Protein backbone atom coordinates (compact mmCIF):
# COMPACT_ATOMS: atom_id res chain seq x y z
CA UNK A 1 115.22 72.26 39.50
CA UNK A 2 115.00 76.06 39.54
CA UNK A 3 114.92 77.37 43.07
CA UNK A 4 114.22 80.93 44.19
CA UNK A 5 116.05 82.44 47.14
CA UNK A 6 114.80 85.78 48.52
CA UNK A 7 118.36 87.02 49.04
CA UNK A 8 120.29 85.70 46.05
CA UNK A 9 117.73 85.27 43.30
CA UNK A 10 117.34 82.21 41.05
CA UNK A 11 119.40 79.07 41.54
CA UNK A 12 119.95 76.02 39.39
CA UNK A 13 120.13 72.73 41.20
CA UNK A 14 121.10 70.06 38.69
CA UNK A 15 119.20 66.96 39.70
CA UNK A 16 120.99 64.36 41.78
CA UNK A 17 124.34 66.07 41.16
CA UNK A 18 123.41 68.78 43.68
CA UNK A 19 125.47 71.25 41.71
CA UNK A 20 124.13 74.80 41.71
CA UNK A 21 124.82 78.29 40.43
CA UNK A 22 122.96 81.58 40.95
CA UNK A 23 121.28 83.86 38.41
CA UNK A 24 119.50 87.15 39.03
CA UNK A 25 117.63 87.32 35.73
CA UNK A 26 113.95 86.37 35.98
CA UNK A 27 113.08 85.47 32.41
CA UNK A 28 113.25 81.72 31.78
CA UNK A 29 114.82 82.02 28.33
CA UNK A 30 117.50 84.35 29.67
CA UNK A 31 118.22 81.97 32.52
CA UNK A 32 118.50 79.09 30.09
CA UNK A 33 120.88 81.07 27.86
CA UNK A 34 122.97 81.98 30.88
CA UNK A 35 122.96 78.35 32.01
CA UNK A 36 124.19 77.21 28.61
CA UNK A 37 127.18 79.55 28.83
CA UNK A 38 128.45 78.09 32.09
CA UNK A 39 131.59 75.97 32.11
CA UNK A 40 129.63 73.07 33.57
CA UNK A 41 127.09 72.94 30.76
CA UNK A 42 129.16 70.64 28.48
CA UNK A 43 129.39 68.08 31.26
CA UNK A 44 125.94 68.51 32.71
CA UNK A 45 124.25 68.43 29.32
CA UNK A 46 124.84 64.70 29.26
CA UNK A 47 122.55 64.24 32.26
CA UNK A 48 120.22 67.27 32.27
CA UNK A 49 120.20 69.42 29.16
CA UNK A 50 116.95 71.30 29.79
CA UNK A 51 115.76 72.85 33.02
CA UNK A 52 112.88 71.57 35.08
CA UNK A 53 110.78 74.71 35.42
CA UNK A 54 109.43 73.99 38.88
CA UNK A 55 109.65 76.65 41.53
CA UNK A 56 110.45 76.20 45.17
CA UNK A 57 110.36 79.14 47.56
CA UNK A 58 113.42 78.15 49.53
CA UNK A 59 114.48 80.42 52.39
CA UNK A 60 111.15 82.31 52.39
CA UNK A 61 109.87 82.15 55.98
CA UNK A 62 106.43 80.72 56.60
CA UNK A 63 104.76 82.85 59.29
CA UNK A 64 101.12 81.84 59.41
CA UNK A 65 98.62 79.97 57.29
CA UNK A 66 96.50 82.03 54.86
CA UNK A 67 93.41 82.12 57.10
CA UNK A 68 95.36 83.37 60.09
CA UNK A 69 97.23 85.87 57.92
CA UNK A 70 93.94 87.29 56.62
CA UNK A 71 92.73 87.75 60.19
CA UNK A 72 95.95 89.50 61.14
CA UNK A 73 95.69 91.81 58.15
CA UNK A 74 92.14 92.74 59.15
CA UNK A 75 93.42 93.59 62.64
CA UNK A 76 96.50 95.49 61.46
CA UNK A 77 97.48 98.32 63.80
CA UNK A 78 99.69 100.05 61.24
CA UNK A 79 98.20 103.39 60.21
CA UNK A 80 98.52 104.45 56.59
CA UNK A 81 101.32 106.95 56.07
CA UNK A 82 99.84 110.13 54.63
CA UNK A 83 100.63 113.81 54.45
CA UNK A 84 98.59 116.63 55.96
CA UNK A 85 95.19 115.76 54.50
CA UNK A 86 93.44 118.64 52.77
CA UNK A 87 96.35 121.03 53.28
CA UNK A 88 98.83 122.73 50.99
CA UNK A 89 102.49 122.59 51.91
CA UNK A 90 104.20 125.90 52.65
CA UNK A 91 107.93 126.26 52.07
CA UNK A 92 110.54 128.94 51.46
CA UNK A 93 113.20 128.98 48.76
CA UNK A 94 116.45 129.54 50.67
CA UNK A 95 118.17 130.91 47.55
CA UNK A 96 115.64 133.68 46.86
CA UNK A 97 113.59 134.15 50.02
CA UNK A 98 110.41 133.42 48.09
CA UNK A 99 107.57 131.77 49.98
CA UNK A 100 105.85 129.04 47.94
CA UNK A 101 102.58 127.24 48.50
CA UNK A 102 101.27 123.95 47.16
CA UNK A 103 102.15 121.83 44.16
CA UNK A 104 101.87 124.82 41.83
CA UNK A 105 104.54 126.68 43.86
CA UNK A 106 102.31 129.71 44.21
CA UNK A 107 104.20 132.78 45.39
CA UNK A 108 102.75 133.88 48.75
CA UNK A 109 105.65 136.11 49.85
CA UNK A 110 104.50 138.98 52.11
CA UNK A 111 101.07 137.43 52.55
CA UNK A 112 99.57 136.86 55.98
CA UNK A 113 98.67 133.55 57.58
CA UNK A 114 96.97 132.68 60.86
CA UNK A 115 99.09 130.16 62.79
CA UNK A 116 97.34 127.47 64.79
CA UNK A 117 99.43 127.66 67.96
CA UNK A 118 98.08 124.33 69.23
CA UNK A 119 99.55 122.60 66.15
CA UNK A 120 103.17 123.67 66.70
CA UNK A 121 105.35 120.57 67.05
CA UNK A 122 108.98 119.56 67.33
CA UNK A 123 110.62 116.31 66.37
CA UNK A 124 112.73 114.82 63.60
CA UNK A 125 112.77 114.42 59.83
CA UNK A 126 114.96 111.80 58.19
CA UNK A 127 115.31 112.00 54.42
CA UNK A 128 116.23 108.69 52.79
CA UNK A 129 115.64 107.48 49.27
CA UNK A 130 114.04 110.80 48.36
CA UNK A 131 111.29 110.43 50.97
CA UNK A 132 110.95 111.94 54.45
CA UNK A 133 110.29 109.97 57.62
CA UNK A 134 108.76 112.25 60.26
CA UNK A 135 108.41 111.93 64.01
CA UNK A 136 106.72 114.85 65.81
CA UNK A 137 105.17 115.61 69.20
CA UNK A 138 103.45 118.71 70.58
CA UNK A 139 105.58 121.59 71.87
CA UNK A 140 104.54 120.83 75.47
CA UNK A 141 106.15 117.39 75.28
CA UNK A 142 109.81 116.42 75.50
CA UNK A 143 111.65 116.14 72.19
CA UNK A 144 111.38 112.47 71.16
CA UNK A 145 114.41 110.30 70.63
CA UNK A 146 115.97 110.64 67.20
CA UNK A 147 115.22 107.75 64.83
CA UNK A 148 118.03 105.43 63.83
CA UNK A 149 119.95 106.47 60.68
CA UNK A 150 119.33 104.65 57.44
CA UNK A 151 122.70 103.87 55.91
CA UNK A 152 124.45 107.22 55.51
CA UNK A 153 121.21 109.19 56.00
CA UNK A 154 120.79 110.82 59.41
CA UNK A 155 117.78 112.58 60.98
CA UNK A 156 117.67 116.33 61.57
CA UNK A 157 115.75 118.07 64.32
CA UNK A 158 112.60 119.63 62.89
CA UNK A 159 109.63 121.92 63.53
CA UNK A 160 106.09 121.87 62.20
CA UNK A 161 102.85 123.86 62.39
CA UNK A 162 99.55 124.27 60.59
CA UNK A 163 97.63 127.39 59.71
CA UNK A 164 95.55 129.17 57.09
CA UNK A 165 95.94 132.03 54.64
CA UNK A 166 94.11 135.07 55.98
CA UNK A 167 92.60 136.29 52.72
CA UNK A 168 90.87 133.09 51.59
CA UNK A 169 91.23 130.59 54.43
CA UNK A 170 93.28 128.03 52.48
CA UNK A 171 94.67 125.48 54.95
CA UNK A 172 98.42 124.94 54.97
CA UNK A 173 101.17 123.01 56.73
CA UNK A 174 104.80 124.00 57.28
CA UNK A 175 107.53 121.44 58.07
CA UNK A 176 111.22 122.27 58.29
CA UNK A 177 114.42 120.53 59.36
CA UNK A 178 116.84 123.34 58.48
CA UNK A 179 118.56 125.43 61.14
CA UNK A 180 117.04 128.63 59.77
CA UNK A 181 113.56 127.11 59.64
CA UNK A 182 113.79 125.83 63.21
CA UNK A 183 115.02 129.22 64.37
CA UNK A 184 112.07 130.95 62.68
CA UNK A 185 109.51 128.72 64.37
CA UNK A 186 111.30 128.90 67.73
CA UNK A 187 111.37 132.71 67.65
CA UNK A 188 107.65 132.74 66.87
CA UNK A 189 106.90 130.31 69.70
CA UNK A 190 108.94 132.51 72.05
CA UNK A 191 106.80 135.52 71.12
CA UNK A 192 103.63 133.50 71.76
CA UNK A 193 104.92 132.44 75.18
CA UNK A 194 105.81 136.04 76.08
CA UNK A 195 102.37 137.24 74.96
CA UNK A 196 100.71 134.60 77.12
CA UNK A 197 102.95 135.40 80.12
CA UNK A 198 101.83 139.02 79.87
CA UNK A 199 98.28 137.91 80.59
CA UNK A 200 96.85 137.99 77.09
CA UNK A 201 94.32 135.40 75.90
CA UNK A 202 94.53 135.91 72.15
CA UNK A 203 97.35 133.46 71.47
CA UNK A 204 97.00 132.73 67.75
CA UNK A 205 99.42 134.98 65.82
CA UNK A 206 98.64 136.44 62.44
CA UNK A 207 102.01 136.64 60.74
CA UNK A 208 103.47 138.06 57.56
CA UNK A 209 105.65 135.71 55.51
CA UNK A 210 108.98 137.46 55.09
CA UNK A 211 112.66 136.45 55.32
CA UNK A 212 116.12 137.50 56.43
CA UNK A 213 119.41 136.81 54.66
CA UNK A 214 123.12 136.39 55.31
CA UNK A 215 126.23 135.82 53.21
CA UNK A 216 126.84 132.09 53.26
CA UNK A 217 130.55 131.22 53.09
CA UNK A 218 129.67 127.63 52.19
CA UNK A 219 127.99 128.95 49.05
CA UNK A 220 130.83 131.25 48.03
CA UNK A 221 129.37 134.27 49.81
CA UNK A 222 125.98 134.02 48.10
CA UNK A 223 122.97 135.10 50.12
CA UNK A 224 121.03 132.43 51.97
CA UNK A 225 117.53 133.25 53.21
CA UNK A 226 115.84 132.09 56.40
CA UNK A 227 112.12 132.19 57.24
CA UNK A 228 110.75 135.02 59.37
CA UNK A 229 107.21 135.06 60.74
CA UNK A 230 106.48 138.73 61.51
CA UNK A 231 103.60 139.03 63.98
CA UNK A 232 101.12 141.66 62.78
CA UNK A 233 98.20 140.84 65.08
CA UNK A 234 97.03 138.51 67.84
CA UNK A 235 93.81 136.56 67.38
CA UNK A 236 91.66 134.00 69.11
CA UNK A 237 91.08 130.54 67.66
CA UNK A 238 88.25 131.93 65.49
CA UNK A 239 90.55 134.52 63.96
CA UNK A 240 89.03 137.47 65.82
CA UNK A 241 91.72 140.07 66.36
CA UNK A 242 92.60 141.16 69.89
CA UNK A 243 90.79 144.38 70.86
CA UNK A 244 88.02 143.89 68.31
CA UNK A 245 84.49 142.65 68.95
CA UNK A 246 83.24 139.88 66.66
CA UNK A 247 80.41 140.85 64.36
CA UNK A 248 77.03 139.79 65.68
CA UNK A 249 73.55 139.62 64.18
CA UNK A 250 71.10 141.76 66.15
CA UNK A 251 68.18 139.82 67.58
CA UNK A 252 64.76 140.64 66.16
CA UNK A 253 66.08 142.16 62.96
CA UNK A 254 63.52 141.98 60.16
CA UNK A 255 63.50 142.78 56.54
CA UNK A 256 65.40 141.57 53.52
CA UNK A 257 68.66 139.85 54.35
CA UNK A 258 71.75 141.34 52.73
CA UNK A 259 73.13 139.37 49.81
CA UNK A 260 75.76 136.79 50.70
CA UNK A 261 79.24 137.89 49.63
CA UNK A 262 81.28 135.60 47.44
CA UNK A 263 84.42 134.28 49.12
CA UNK A 264 87.40 136.48 48.36
CA UNK A 265 89.69 134.91 45.82
CA UNK A 266 93.41 135.53 45.94
CA UNK A 267 95.30 136.79 42.91
CA UNK A 268 97.44 133.72 42.34
CA UNK A 269 101.06 134.21 41.40
CA UNK A 270 103.17 131.37 40.10
CA UNK A 271 106.83 131.11 40.97
CA UNK A 272 107.84 132.00 37.41
CA UNK A 273 105.65 135.09 37.44
CA UNK A 274 107.19 136.24 40.69
CA UNK A 275 110.75 135.81 39.47
């Protein structure tokens, strides 16, 4: 009989002899060929020359019956793991200082973004198997416990925030677990806290995406760049700059309405074009 074990793979059990050997190949013909090359085949061929292709899920735990399992699946409390829905990811190339946005790696260096202060978070990012596992809480909460390492992969403390490009309103998200990235976000948060402590109420910074560099001895003295968020203005949550009055429509105005302006489109620059 051919048995399947979740840990070891396929196993031959030769009838009443209770002799067995393991194979990891899944194709029946390949298993049979492998079986015929074993030292026991000459002896066993006298009693069982061809396999009985019946399958038994040995060592696979039975948890619930199908009906109960379906009910449990319907009531699953596990949320689907997704990214920042509807947002482009913002990152900085540490070798060049270039700010890049989205899958097309659009160059947005020196452009301005409005940071959503309420979205600033701290936590952990653990990269394993080419995929990140993230654990974040708001900046007003205590840093959560670091997740357990996966093999030789360990978590790094991280920062995160969301925002929007000023010129066209494109939504974006910035996550970082590098020392330089954390420092950049922490410096920005410190400026926000100081602005609030001074009695101001416009606590959403409009920042310019720039960088700073240093000679990295670990890279043979080559320059390594870190993110810098240069505050150029303070705004409210609607993006109205501090000291300015939002535009209002005068009551009782009559006449032809002015034509609606088309949304401003940014001159997109790819990474290759910026190089």
